[in-house]
Amino acid sequence: MARHFLLPVSATVFAMGTFLLLDVMRDTRHPVSSSEFETLVLSFLHYGFMFLTVALAVQWAVYVAWVLVTQAQHLERLKQYYASTEGMELRWVSVLACALGIYVLQHLIGQIMVLQGRQDFVGPLFDGFLVLVVIFALALWSLRPSPDLDNATGILAEIETPKDKKYEKSALDSSQSERIARKLVRAMEEDCLYRDPNLTLSMLAQHVGVSLNYVSQTLNQNLGQSFFEFVNSWRIREAMPLVEKGEATVLAIAYEVGFNSRSSFYSAFKRETGQTPTSYKSGSARP
């Protein structure tokens, strides 16, 4: 972890050195003969601090990109095991990362304005706004129930994804994979397992009597879908005629087919049909 603090500590040292030297130079009792040397040192500290602040902004930008990429990878891993991921997506981390990214951009713009001899009036106000965003994000998501991330991390570590080389050593052949695929489709078509909002990959594997990794491999390689996509496609398949009829509300339909929120239903419906439920219903109602 020490390398992550190298730039912040260096910038702190340069800042403290600048302030201390300024205090010394303000002291009229200090010998005037050393003023030129002090001015040179002060210039070094000043420009060194400015360079380090820009380097810090670049470091923060790297962290923002790192967090967002890691979050995307985390979500893809969740979709290999969970049919509903809303409670485990850690969106507040992405919100904080985006807030930091905006701050980095504003900070760089402010530094450029200072170098051009102009005053940055927006910076202080923007800093206060970003503090409010951070407090809001932390307060909002602290009220949400804590996801079982330890359990999820342990389970996801045992599941291979399509990009893993472990599939190359798998004993699952094409004929076995086809039989498993038929079992999975039958579990959805006849047993309607997708209606369970808490359905997981292990529950599906136990239902069809196949190992967890074989089910995951069949979904990814044979059916070309993650567990999340496979289950939600069946949910939307049942929801489409219900939306066309218009006898129930969108939220009621979402709960009936296995979704646990309106937003996740809307996202899945648009992903499968290319339309929102409202526009789909309107298009179906036309003669």
C-alpha atoms as a PDB file:
ATOM      1  CA  MET A   1       0.000   0.000   0.000  1.00  0.00           C
ATOM      2  CA  ALA A   2       2.980   2.346   0.469  1.00  0.00           C
ATOM      3  CA  ARG A   3       3.228   3.201  -3.227  1.00  0.00           C
ATOM      4  CA  HIS A   4      -0.342   4.528  -3.205  1.00  0.00           C
ATOM      5  CA  PHE A   5       0.647   7.140  -0.600  1.00  0.00           C
ATOM      6  CA  LEU A   6       3.890   8.215  -2.278  1.00  0.00           C
ATOM      7  CA  LEU A   7       2.395  11.163  -4.180  1.00  0.00           C
ATOM      8  CA  PRO A   8       0.088  12.394  -1.370  1.00  0.00           C
ATOM      9  CA  VAL A   9       2.927  12.312   1.182  1.00  0.00           C
ATOM     10  CA  SER A  10       5.301  14.059  -1.236  1.00  0.00           C
ATOM     11  CA  ALA A  11       2.734  16.778  -1.967  1.00  0.00           C
ATOM     12  CA  THR A  12       2.193  17.255   1.790  1.00  0.00           C
ATOM     13  CA  VAL A  13       5.927  17.637   2.363  1.00  0.00           C
ATOM     14  CA  PHE A  14       6.227  20.223  -0.421  1.00  0.00           C
ATOM     15  CA  ALA A  15       3.196  22.127   0.870  1.00  0.00           C
ATOM     16  CA  MET A  16       4.498  22.185   4.457  1.00  0.00           C
ATOM     17  CA  GLY A  17       7.940  23.257   3.224  1.00  0.00           C
ATOM     18  CA  THR A  18       6.398  26.121   1.257  1.00  0.00           C
ATOM     19  CA  PHE A  19       4.369  27.382   4.220  1.00  0.00           C
ATOM     20  CA  LEU A  20       7.305  27.130   6.641  1.00  0.00           C
ATOM     21  CA  LEU A  21       9.642  28.948   4.259  1.00  0.00           C
ATOM     22  CA  LEU A  22       7.076  31.697   3.731  1.00  0.00           C
ATOM     23  CA  ASP A  23       6.889  32.194   7.507  1.00  0.00           C
ATOM     24  CA  VAL A  24      10.672  32.440   7.674  1.00  0.00           C
ATOM     25  CA  MET A  25      10.790  34.972   4.839  1.00  0.00           C
ATOM     26  CA  ARG A  26       8.161  37.108   6.561  1.00  0.00           C
ATOM     27  CA  ASP A  27      10.354  37.283   9.638  1.00  0.00           C
ATOM     28  CA  THR A  28      12.142  40.661   9.379  1.00  0.00           C
ATOM     29  CA  ARG A  29      14.831  39.522  11.814  1.00  0.00           C
ATOM     30  CA  HIS A  30      16.030  36.917   9.311  1.00  0.00           C
ATOM     31  CA  PRO A  31      19.291  37.915   7.451  1.00  0.00           C
ATOM     32  CA  VAL A  32      18.582  39.569   4.119  1.00  0.00           C
ATOM     33  CA  SER A  33      21.685  37.964   2.586  1.00  0.00           C
ATOM     34  CA  SER A  34      19.963  34.614   2.265  1.00  0.00           C
ATOM     35  CA  SER A  35      16.815  35.974   0.603  1.00  0.00           C
ATOM     36  CA  GLU A  36      17.889  35.006  -2.918  1.00  0.00           C
ATOM     37  CA  PHE A  37      18.561  31.438  -1.860  1.00  0.00           C
ATOM     38  CA  GLU A  38      15.243  31.300  -0.037  1.00  0.00           C
ATOM     39  CA  THR A  39      13.441  32.655  -3.106  1.00  0.00           C
ATOM     40  CA  LEU A  40      15.034  29.934  -5.217  1.00  0.00           C
ATOM     41  CA  VAL A  41      14.021  27.242  -2.739  1.00  0.00           C
ATOM     42  CA  LEU A  42      10.536  28.700  -2.523  1.00  0.00           C
ATOM     43  CA  SER A  43      10.188  28.582  -6.313  1.00  0.00           C
ATOM     44  CA  PHE A  44      11.343  24.959  -6.311  1.00  0.00           C
ATOM     45  CA  LEU A  45       8.836  24.043  -3.601  1.00  0.00           C
ATOM     46  CA  HIS A  46       6.043  25.972  -5.300  1.00  0.00           C
ATOM     47  CA  TYR A  47       6.463  24.441  -8.749  1.00  0.00           C
ATOM     48  CA  GLY A  48       7.193  21.050  -7.251  1.00  0.00           C
ATOM     49  CA  PHE A  49       3.912  21.236  -5.337  1.00  0.00           C
ATOM     50  CA  MET A  50       2.023  22.242  -8.486  1.00  0.00           C
ATOM     51  CA  PHE A  51       3.557  19.330 -10.388  1.00  0.00           C
ATOM     52  CA  LEU A  52       2.645  16.916  -7.598  1.00  0.00           C
ATOM     53  CA  THR A  53      -0.954  18.146  -7.481  1.00  0.00           C
ATOM     54  CA  VAL A  54      -1.302  17.458 -11.206  1.00  0.00           C
ATOM     55  CA  ALA A  55       0.321  14.045 -10.691  1.00  0.00           C
ATOM     56  CA  LEU A  56      -2.168  13.392  -7.884  1.00  0.00           C
ATOM     57  CA  ALA A  57      -5.039  14.267 -10.200  1.00  0.00           C
ATOM     58  CA  VAL A  58      -3.704  11.762 -12.741  1.00  0.00           C
ATOM     59  CA  GLN A  59      -3.414   9.152  -9.989  1.00  0.00           C
ATOM     60  CA  TRP A  60      -7.008   9.785  -8.964  1.00  0.00           C
ATOM     61  CA  ALA A  61      -8.131   9.495 -12.595  1.00  0.00           C
ATOM     62  CA  VAL A  62      -6.423   6.098 -12.751  1.00  0.00           C
ATOM     63  CA  TYR A  63      -8.234   5.072  -9.563  1.00  0.00           C
ATOM     64  CA  VAL A  64     -11.573   6.166 -11.021  1.00  0.00           C
ATOM     65  CA  ALA A  65     -11.023   4.080 -14.159  1.00  0.00           C
ATOM     66  CA  TRP A  66      -9.799   1.179 -12.039  1.00  0.00           C
ATOM     67  CA  VAL A  67     -12.880   1.278  -9.802  1.00  0.00           C
ATOM     68  CA  LEU A  68     -15.343   1.492 -12.705  1.00  0.00           C
ATOM     69  CA  VAL A  69     -13.678  -1.385 -14.585  1.00  0.00           C
ATOM     70  CA  THR A  70     -13.579  -3.493 -11.417  1.00  0.00           C
ATOM     71  CA  GLN A  71     -17.254  -2.738 -10.772  1.00  0.00           C
ATOM     72  CA  ALA A  72     -18.155  -3.835 -14.311  1.00  0.00           C
ATOM     73  CA  GLN A  73     -16.201  -7.056 -13.837  1.00  0.00           C
ATOM     74  CA  HIS A  74     -17.860  -7.592 -10.452  1.00  0.00           C
ATOM     75  CA  LEU A  75     -21.301  -7.205 -12.021  1.00  0.00           C
ATOM     76  CA  GLU A  76     -20.463  -9.693 -14.770  1.00  0.00           C
ATOM     77  CA  ARG A  77     -19.339 -12.199 -12.134  1.00  0.00           C
ATOM     78  CA  LEU A  78     -22.556 -11.692 -10.181  1.00  0.00           C
ATOM     79  CA  LYS A  79     -24.575 -12.410 -13.312  1.00  0.00           C
ATOM     80  CA  GLN A  80     -22.945 -15.832 -13.515  1.00  0.00           C
ATOM     81  CA  TYR A  81     -24.605 -16.816 -10.234  1.00  0.00           C
ATOM     82  CA  TYR A  82     -27.514 -14.499  -9.418  1.00  0.00           C
ATOM     83  CA  ALA A  83     -30.679 -13.802 -11.401  1.00  0.00           C
ATOM     84  CA  SER A  84     -31.248 -10.573  -9.434  1.00  0.00           C
ATOM     85  CA  THR A  85     -28.207  -8.463  -8.627  1.00  0.00           C
ATOM     86  CA  GLU A  86     -29.677  -5.193  -7.349  1.00  0.00           C
ATOM     87  CA  GLY A  87     -28.702  -5.744  -3.720  1.00  0.00           C
ATOM     88  CA  MET A  88     -25.095  -6.607  -4.506  1.00  0.00           C
ATOM     89  CA  GLU A  89     -24.039  -4.175  -7.230  1.00  0.00           C
ATOM     90  CA  LEU A  90     -22.417  -1.617  -4.875  1.00  0.00           C
ATOM     91  CA  ARG A  91     -23.543   1.283  -7.032  1.00  0.00           C
ATOM     92  CA  TRP A  92     -22.587   3.759  -4.329  1.00  0.00           C
ATOM     93  CA  VAL A  93     -18.939   2.923  -5.023  1.00  0.00           C
ATOM     94  CA  SER A  94     -19.447   3.889  -8.663  1.00  0.00           C
ATOM     95  CA  VAL A  95     -21.179   7.117  -7.594  1.00  0.00           C
ATOM     96  CA  LEU A  96     -18.218   8.033  -5.400  1.00  0.00           C
ATOM     97  CA  ALA A  97     -15.794   7.144  -8.189  1.00  0.00           C
ATOM     98  CA  CYS A  98     -17.678   9.358 -10.657  1.00  0.00           C
ATOM     99  CA  ALA A  99     -17.717  12.195  -8.105  1.00  0.00           C
ATOM    100  CA  LEU A 100     -13.958  11.825  -7.741  1.00  0.00           C
ATOM    101  CA  GLY A 101     -13.605  11.813 -11.531  1.00  0.00           C
ATOM    102  CA  ILE A 102     -15.543  15.068 -11.823  1.00  0.00           C
ATOM    103  CA  TYR A 103     -13.413  16.564  -9.059  1.00  0.00           C
ATOM    104  CA  VAL A 104     -10.234  15.546 -10.918  1.00  0.00           C
ATOM    105  CA  LEU A 105     -11.493  17.218 -14.097  1.00  0.00           C
ATOM    106  CA  GLN A 106     -12.444  20.396 -12.255  1.00  0.00           C
ATOM    107  CA  HIS A 107      -9.109  20.371 -10.417  1.00  0.00           C
ATOM    108  CA  LEU A 108      -7.131  20.144 -13.651  1.00  0.00           C
ATOM    109  CA  ILE A 109      -9.165  22.971 -15.191  1.00  0.00           C
ATOM    110  CA  GLY A 110      -8.507  25.071 -12.095  1.00  0.00           C
ATOM    111  CA  GLN A 111      -4.764  24.397 -12.303  1.00  0.00           C
ATOM    112  CA  ILE A 112      -4.722  25.452 -15.952  1.00  0.00           C
ATOM    113  CA  MET A 113      -6.549  28.685 -15.073  1.00  0.00           C
ATOM    114  CA  VAL A 114      -4.036  29.429 -12.301  1.00  0.00           C
ATOM    115  CA  LEU A 115      -1.105  28.836 -14.652  1.00  0.00           C
ATOM    116  CA  GLN A 116      -2.706  31.311 -17.071  1.00  0.00           C
ATOM    117  CA  GLY A 117      -2.927  33.912 -14.325  1.00  0.00           C
ATOM    118  CA  ARG A 118      -6.685  33.692 -13.934  1.00  0.00           C
ATOM    119  CA  GLN A 119      -8.615  33.044 -10.745  1.00  0.00           C
ATOM    120  CA  ASP A 120     -10.652  29.864 -10.363  1.00  0.00           C
ATOM    121  CA  PHE A 121     -14.036  30.997  -9.016  1.00  0.00           C
ATOM    122  CA  VAL A 122     -15.852  27.716  -9.722  1.00  0.00           C
ATOM    123  CA  GLY A 123     -13.470  25.436  -7.836  1.00  0.00           C
ATOM    124  CA  PRO A 124     -14.450  26.281  -4.224  1.00  0.00           C
ATOM    125  CA  LEU A 125     -18.181  26.113  -5.012  1.00  0.00           C
ATOM    126  CA  PHE A 126     -17.738  22.875  -6.906  1.00  0.00           C
ATOM    127  CA  ASP A 127     -15.806  21.357  -4.016  1.00  0.00           C
ATOM    128  CA  GLY A 128     -18.768  22.014  -1.725  1.00  0.00           C
ATOM    129  CA  PHE A 129     -21.171  20.449  -4.222  1.00  0.00           C
ATOM    130  CA  LEU A 130     -19.058  17.293  -4.524  1.00  0.00           C
ATOM    131  CA  VAL A 131     -18.891  16.991  -0.745  1.00  0.00           C
ATOM    132  CA  LEU A 132     -22.702  16.987  -0.721  1.00  0.00           C
ATOM    133  CA  VAL A 133     -22.722  14.275  -3.411  1.00  0.00           C
ATOM    134  CA  VAL A 134     -20.345  12.108  -1.377  1.00  0.00           C
ATOM    135  CA  ILE A 135     -22.352  12.583   1.835  1.00  0.00           C
ATOM    136  CA  PHE A 136     -25.604  11.827  -0.008  1.00  0.00           C
ATOM    137  CA  ALA A 137     -24.171   8.645  -1.545  1.00  0.00           C
ATOM    138  CA  LEU A 138     -22.806   7.379   1.760  1.00  0.00           C
ATOM    139  CA  ALA A 139     -25.989   8.248   3.670  1.00  0.00           C
ATOM    140  CA  LEU A 140     -28.337   6.736   1.079  1.00  0.00           C
ATOM    141  CA  TRP A 141     -26.561   3.430   0.681  1.00  0.00           C
ATOM    142  CA  SER A 142     -25.776   3.076   4.369  1.00  0.00           C
ATOM    143  CA  LEU A 143     -29.535   2.708   4.904  1.00  0.00           C
ATOM    144  CA  ARG A 144     -29.722  -0.229   2.516  1.00  0.00           C
ATOM    145  CA  PRO A 145     -29.331  -3.789   3.845  1.00  0.00           C
ATOM    146  CA  SER A 146     -25.767  -5.012   3.640  1.00  0.00           C
ATOM    147  CA  PRO A 147     -25.266  -7.653   0.914  1.00  0.00           C
ATOM    148  CA  ASP A 148     -23.628 -10.954   1.780  1.00  0.00           C
ATOM    149  CA  LEU A 149     -20.489 -10.136  -0.169  1.00  0.00           C
ATOM    150  CA  ASP A 150     -18.271 -12.584   1.698  1.00  0.00           C
ATOM    151  CA  ASN A 151     -20.515 -15.471   0.708  1.00  0.00           C
ATOM    152  CA  ALA A 152     -20.860 -14.159  -2.848  1.00  0.00           C
ATOM    153  CA  THR A 153     -17.092 -13.774  -3.263  1.00  0.00           C
ATOM    154  CA  GLY A 154     -16.481 -17.323  -2.100  1.00  0.00           C
ATOM    155  CA  ILE A 155     -19.080 -18.750  -4.471  1.00  0.00           C
ATOM    156  CA  LEU A 156     -18.033 -16.696  -7.477  1.00  0.00           C
ATOM    157  CA  ALA A 157     -14.434 -17.777  -7.021  1.00  0.00           C
ATOM    158  CA  GLU A 158     -15.521 -21.375  -7.691  1.00  0.00           C
ATOM    159  CA  ILE A 159     -17.372 -20.577 -10.931  1.00  0.00           C
ATOM    160  CA  GLU A 160     -15.501 -20.328 -14.202  1.00  0.00           C
ATOM    161  CA  THR A 161     -16.506 -17.682 -16.702  1.00  0.00           C
ATOM    162  CA  PRO A 162     -16.339 -18.035 -20.496  1.00  0.00           C
ATOM    163  CA  LYS A 163     -12.942 -16.323 -20.531  1.00  0.00           C
ATOM    164  CA  ASP A 164     -11.407 -18.721 -18.011  1.00  0.00           C
ATOM    165  CA  LYS A 165      -8.930 -21.267 -19.337  1.00  0.00           C
ATOM    166  CA  LYS A 166     -10.319 -23.807 -16.854  1.00  0.00           C
ATOM    167  CA  TYR A 167     -13.017 -24.671 -19.389  1.00  0.00           C
ATOM    168  CA  GLU A 168     -10.310 -26.092 -21.622  1.00  0.00           C
ATOM    169  CA  LYS A 169      -9.677 -28.838 -19.052  1.00  0.00           C
ATOM    170  CA  SER A 170     -13.368 -29.534 -18.438  1.00  0.00           C
ATOM    171  CA  ALA A 171     -14.605 -33.103 -18.921  1.00  0.00           C
ATOM    172  CA  LEU A 172     -17.952 -31.858 -20.208  1.00  0.00           C
ATOM    173  CA  ASP A 173     -18.411 -32.866 -23.851  1.00  0.00           C
ATOM    174  CA  SER A 174     -20.897 -31.502 -26.374  1.00  0.00           C
ATOM    175  CA  SER A 175     -23.464 -34.307 -25.970  1.00  0.00           C
ATOM    176  CA  GLN A 176     -23.511 -33.902 -22.194  1.00  0.00           C
ATOM    177  CA  SER A 177     -23.792 -30.153 -22.582  1.00  0.00           C
ATOM    178  CA  GLU A 178     -26.790 -30.529 -24.890  1.00  0.00           C
ATOM    179  CA  ARG A 179     -28.526 -32.837 -22.392  1.00  0.00           C
ATOM    180  CA  ILE A 180     -27.897 -30.333 -19.591  1.00  0.00           C
ATOM    181  CA  ALA A 181     -29.193 -27.511 -21.791  1.00  0.00           C
ATOM    182  CA  ARG A 182     -32.435 -29.425 -22.355  1.00  0.00           C
ATOM    183  CA  LYS A 183     -32.776 -29.917 -18.596  1.00  0.00           C
ATOM    184  CA  LEU A 184     -32.266 -26.221 -17.995  1.00  0.00           C
ATOM    185  CA  VAL A 185     -34.865 -25.239 -20.565  1.00  0.00           C
ATOM    186  CA  ARG A 186     -37.314 -27.775 -19.135  1.00  0.00           C
ATOM    187  CA  ALA A 187     -36.752 -26.394 -15.618  1.00  0.00           C
ATOM    188  CA  MET A 188     -37.808 -22.979 -16.906  1.00  0.00           C
ATOM    189  CA  GLU A 189     -40.547 -24.041 -19.321  1.00  0.00           C
ATOM    190  CA  GLU A 190     -42.278 -26.640 -17.151  1.00  0.00           C
ATOM    191  CA  ASP A 191     -41.271 -25.865 -13.570  1.00  0.00           C
ATOM    192  CA  CYS A 192     -41.105 -22.055 -13.994  1.00  0.00           C
ATOM    193  CA  LEU A 193     -38.152 -21.696 -11.643  1.00  0.00           C
ATOM    194  CA  TYR A 194     -37.574 -18.184 -12.973  1.00  0.00           C
ATOM    195  CA  ARG A 195     -40.545 -16.959 -10.938  1.00  0.00           C
ATOM    196  CA  ASP A 196     -38.450 -17.245  -7.781  1.00  0.00           C
ATOM    197  CA  PRO A 197     -36.868 -13.764  -7.324  1.00  0.00           C
ATOM    198  CA  ASN A 198     -34.097 -15.307  -5.183  1.00  0.00           C
ATOM    199  CA  LEU A 199     -33.147 -17.972  -7.698  1.00  0.00           C
ATOM    200  CA  THR A 200     -29.399 -18.689  -7.857  1.00  0.00           C
ATOM    201  CA  LEU A 201     -27.204 -20.848 -10.017  1.00  0.00           C
ATOM    202  CA  SER A 202     -26.720 -23.398  -7.242  1.00  0.00           C
ATOM    203  CA  MET A 203     -30.503 -23.720  -6.797  1.00  0.00           C
ATOM    204  CA  LEU A 204     -30.890 -24.370 -10.522  1.00  0.00           C
ATOM    205  CA  ALA A 205     -28.003 -26.852 -10.523  1.00  0.00           C
ATOM    206  CA  GLN A 206     -29.518 -28.715  -7.589  1.00  0.00           C
ATOM    207  CA  HIS A 207     -32.906 -28.802  -9.312  1.00  0.00           C
ATOM    208  CA  VAL A 208     -31.541 -30.385 -12.507  1.00  0.00           C
ATOM    209  CA  GLY A 209     -29.071 -32.615 -10.635  1.00  0.00           C
ATOM    210  CA  VAL A 210     -25.945 -31.252 -12.326  1.00  0.00           C
ATOM    211  CA  SER A 211     -22.782 -29.753 -10.850  1.00  0.00           C
ATOM    212  CA  LEU A 212     -22.536 -25.994 -10.504  1.00  0.00           C
ATOM    213  CA  ASN A 213     -19.663 -25.576 -12.962  1.00  0.00           C
ATOM    214  CA  TYR A 214     -21.265 -27.810 -15.607  1.00  0.00           C
ATOM    215  CA  VAL A 215     -24.435 -25.720 -15.505  1.00  0.00           C
ATOM    216  CA  SER A 216     -22.392 -22.520 -15.745  1.00  0.00           C
ATOM    217  CA  GLN A 217     -20.340 -23.902 -18.628  1.00  0.00           C
ATOM    218  CA  THR A 218     -23.457 -25.070 -20.488  1.00  0.00           C
ATOM    219  CA  LEU A 219     -25.105 -21.678 -20.120  1.00  0.00           C
ATOM    220  CA  ASN A 220     -22.021 -19.798 -21.276  1.00  0.00           C
ATOM    221  CA  GLN A 221     -20.857 -22.053 -24.081  1.00  0.00           C
ATOM    222  CA  ASN A 222     -23.916 -23.972 -25.264  1.00  0.00           C
ATOM    223  CA  LEU A 223     -26.664 -21.373 -24.763  1.00  0.00           C
ATOM    224  CA  GLY A 224     -24.412 -18.319 -25.045  1.00  0.00           C
ATOM    225  CA  GLN A 225     -25.894 -16.614 -21.977  1.00  0.00           C
ATOM    226  CA  SER A 226     -24.968 -15.859 -18.416  1.00  0.00           C
ATOM    227  CA  PHE A 227     -27.233 -17.246 -15.701  1.00  0.00           C
ATOM    228  CA  PHE A 228     -28.649 -13.736 -15.239  1.00  0.00           C
ATOM    229  CA  GLU A 229     -29.511 -13.389 -18.942  1.00  0.00           C
ATOM    230  CA  PHE A 230     -30.928 -16.904 -19.166  1.00  0.00           C
ATOM    231  CA  VAL A 231     -33.345 -16.511 -16.256  1.00  0.00           C
ATOM    232  CA  ASN A 232     -34.436 -12.971 -17.116  1.00  0.00           C
ATOM    233  CA  SER A 233     -35.105 -13.892 -20.739  1.00  0.00           C
ATOM    234  CA  TRP A 234     -37.658 -16.433 -19.495  1.00  0.00           C
ATOM    235  CA  ARG A 235     -39.158 -13.872 -17.160  1.00  0.00           C
ATOM    236  CA  ILE A 236     -39.610 -11.412 -20.019  1.00  0.00           C
ATOM    237  CA  ARG A 237     -41.023 -14.167 -22.223  1.00  0.00           C
ATOM    238  CA  GLU A 238     -43.850 -14.653 -19.712  1.00  0.00           C
ATOM    239  CA  ALA A 239     -44.242 -10.924 -19.112  1.00  0.00           C
ATOM    240  CA  MET A 240     -44.710  -9.929 -22.764  1.00  0.00           C
ATOM    241  CA  PRO A 241     -48.284 -11.280 -23.220  1.00  0.00           C
ATOM    242  CA  LEU A 242     -49.230  -9.909 -19.806  1.00  0.00           C
ATOM    243  CA  VAL A 243     -48.023  -6.462 -20.836  1.00  0.00           C
ATOM    244  CA  GLU A 244     -49.967  -6.744 -24.102  1.00  0.00           C
ATOM    245  CA  LYS A 245     -53.193  -7.523 -22.234  1.00  0.00           C
ATOM    246  CA  GLY A 246     -52.740  -4.530 -19.952  1.00  0.00           C
ATOM    247  CA  GLU A 247     -54.908  -6.034 -17.214  1.00  0.00           C
ATOM    248  CA  ALA A 248     -52.251  -5.652 -14.517  1.00  0.00           C
ATOM    249  CA  THR A 249     -49.841  -2.901 -13.600  1.00  0.00           C
ATOM    250  CA  VAL A 250     -46.225  -3.077 -14.719  1.00  0.00           C
ATOM    251  CA  LEU A 251     -45.074  -3.535 -11.123  1.00  0.00           C
ATOM    252  CA  ALA A 252     -47.529  -6.385 -10.550  1.00  0.00           C
ATOM    253  CA  ILE A 253     -46.342  -8.117 -13.718  1.00  0.00           C
ATOM    254  CA  ALA A 254     -42.720  -7.635 -12.667  1.00  0.00           C
ATOM    255  CA  TYR A 255     -43.332  -9.310  -9.317  1.00  0.00           C
ATOM    256  CA  GLU A 256     -45.401 -12.079 -10.893  1.00  0.00           C
ATOM    257  CA  VAL A 257     -42.663 -13.189 -13.283  1.00  0.00           C
ATOM    258  CA  GLY A 258     -39.870 -13.060 -10.700  1.00  0.00           C
ATOM    259  CA  PHE A 259     -38.390  -9.569 -10.676  1.00  0.00           C
ATOM    260  CA  ASN A 260     -37.993  -7.814  -7.340  1.00  0.00           C
ATOM    261  CA  SER A 261     -38.009  -4.223  -8.592  1.00  0.00           C
ATOM    262  CA  ARG A 262     -39.609  -2.111 -11.288  1.00  0.00           C
ATOM    263  CA  SER A 263     -36.262  -0.761 -12.535  1.00  0.00           C
ATOM    264  CA  SER A 264     -34.740  -4.206 -13.088  1.00  0.00           C
ATOM    265  CA  PHE A 265     -37.879  -5.268 -14.978  1.00  0.00           C
ATOM    266  CA  TYR A 266     -37.709  -2.205 -17.226  1.00  0.00           C
ATOM    267  CA  SER A 267     -34.020  -2.790 -17.947  1.00  0.00           C
ATOM    268  CA  ALA A 268     -34.503  -6.463 -18.753  1.00  0.00           C
ATOM    269  CA  PHE A 269     -37.601  -5.823 -20.861  1.00  0.00           C
ATOM    270  CA  LYS A 270     -35.861  -3.196 -22.963  1.00  0.00           C
ATOM    271  CA  ARG A 271     -32.802  -5.412 -23.348  1.00  0.00           C
ATOM    272  CA  GLU A 272     -34.941  -8.316 -24.631  1.00  0.00           C
ATOM    273  CA  THR A 273     -37.464  -6.431 -26.771  1.00  0.00           C
ATOM    274  CA  GLY A 274     -35.752  -3.135 -27.549  1.00  0.00           C
ATOM    275  CA  GLN A 275     -38.750  -1.304 -26.073  1.00  0.00           C
ATOM    276  CA  THR A 276     -40.015  -0.254 -22.672  1.00  0.00           C
ATOM    277  CA  PRO A 277     -43.142  -2.035 -21.383  1.00  0.00           C
ATOM    278  CA  THR A 278     -45.194   1.102 -22.029  1.00  0.00           C
ATOM    279  CA  SER A 279     -44.097   1.488 -25.649  1.00  0.00           C
ATOM    280  CA  TYR A 280     -44.449  -2.263 -26.211  1.00  0.00           C
ATOM    281  CA  LYS A 281     -48.012  -2.164 -24.907  1.00  0.00           C
ATOM    282  CA  SER A 282     -48.826   0.867 -27.083  1.00  0.00           C
ATOM    283  CA  GLY A 283     -47.404  -0.838 -30.174  1.00  0.00           C
ATOM    284  CA  SER A 284     -49.361  -4.016 -29.484  1.00  0.00           C
ATOM    285  CA  ALA A 285     -52.583  -2.054 -29.066  1.00  0.00           C
ATOM    286  CA  ARG A 286     -52.362  -0.581 -32.561  1.00  0.00           C
ATOM    287  CA  PRO A 287     -54.553  -2.298 -35.202  1.00  0.00           C
END
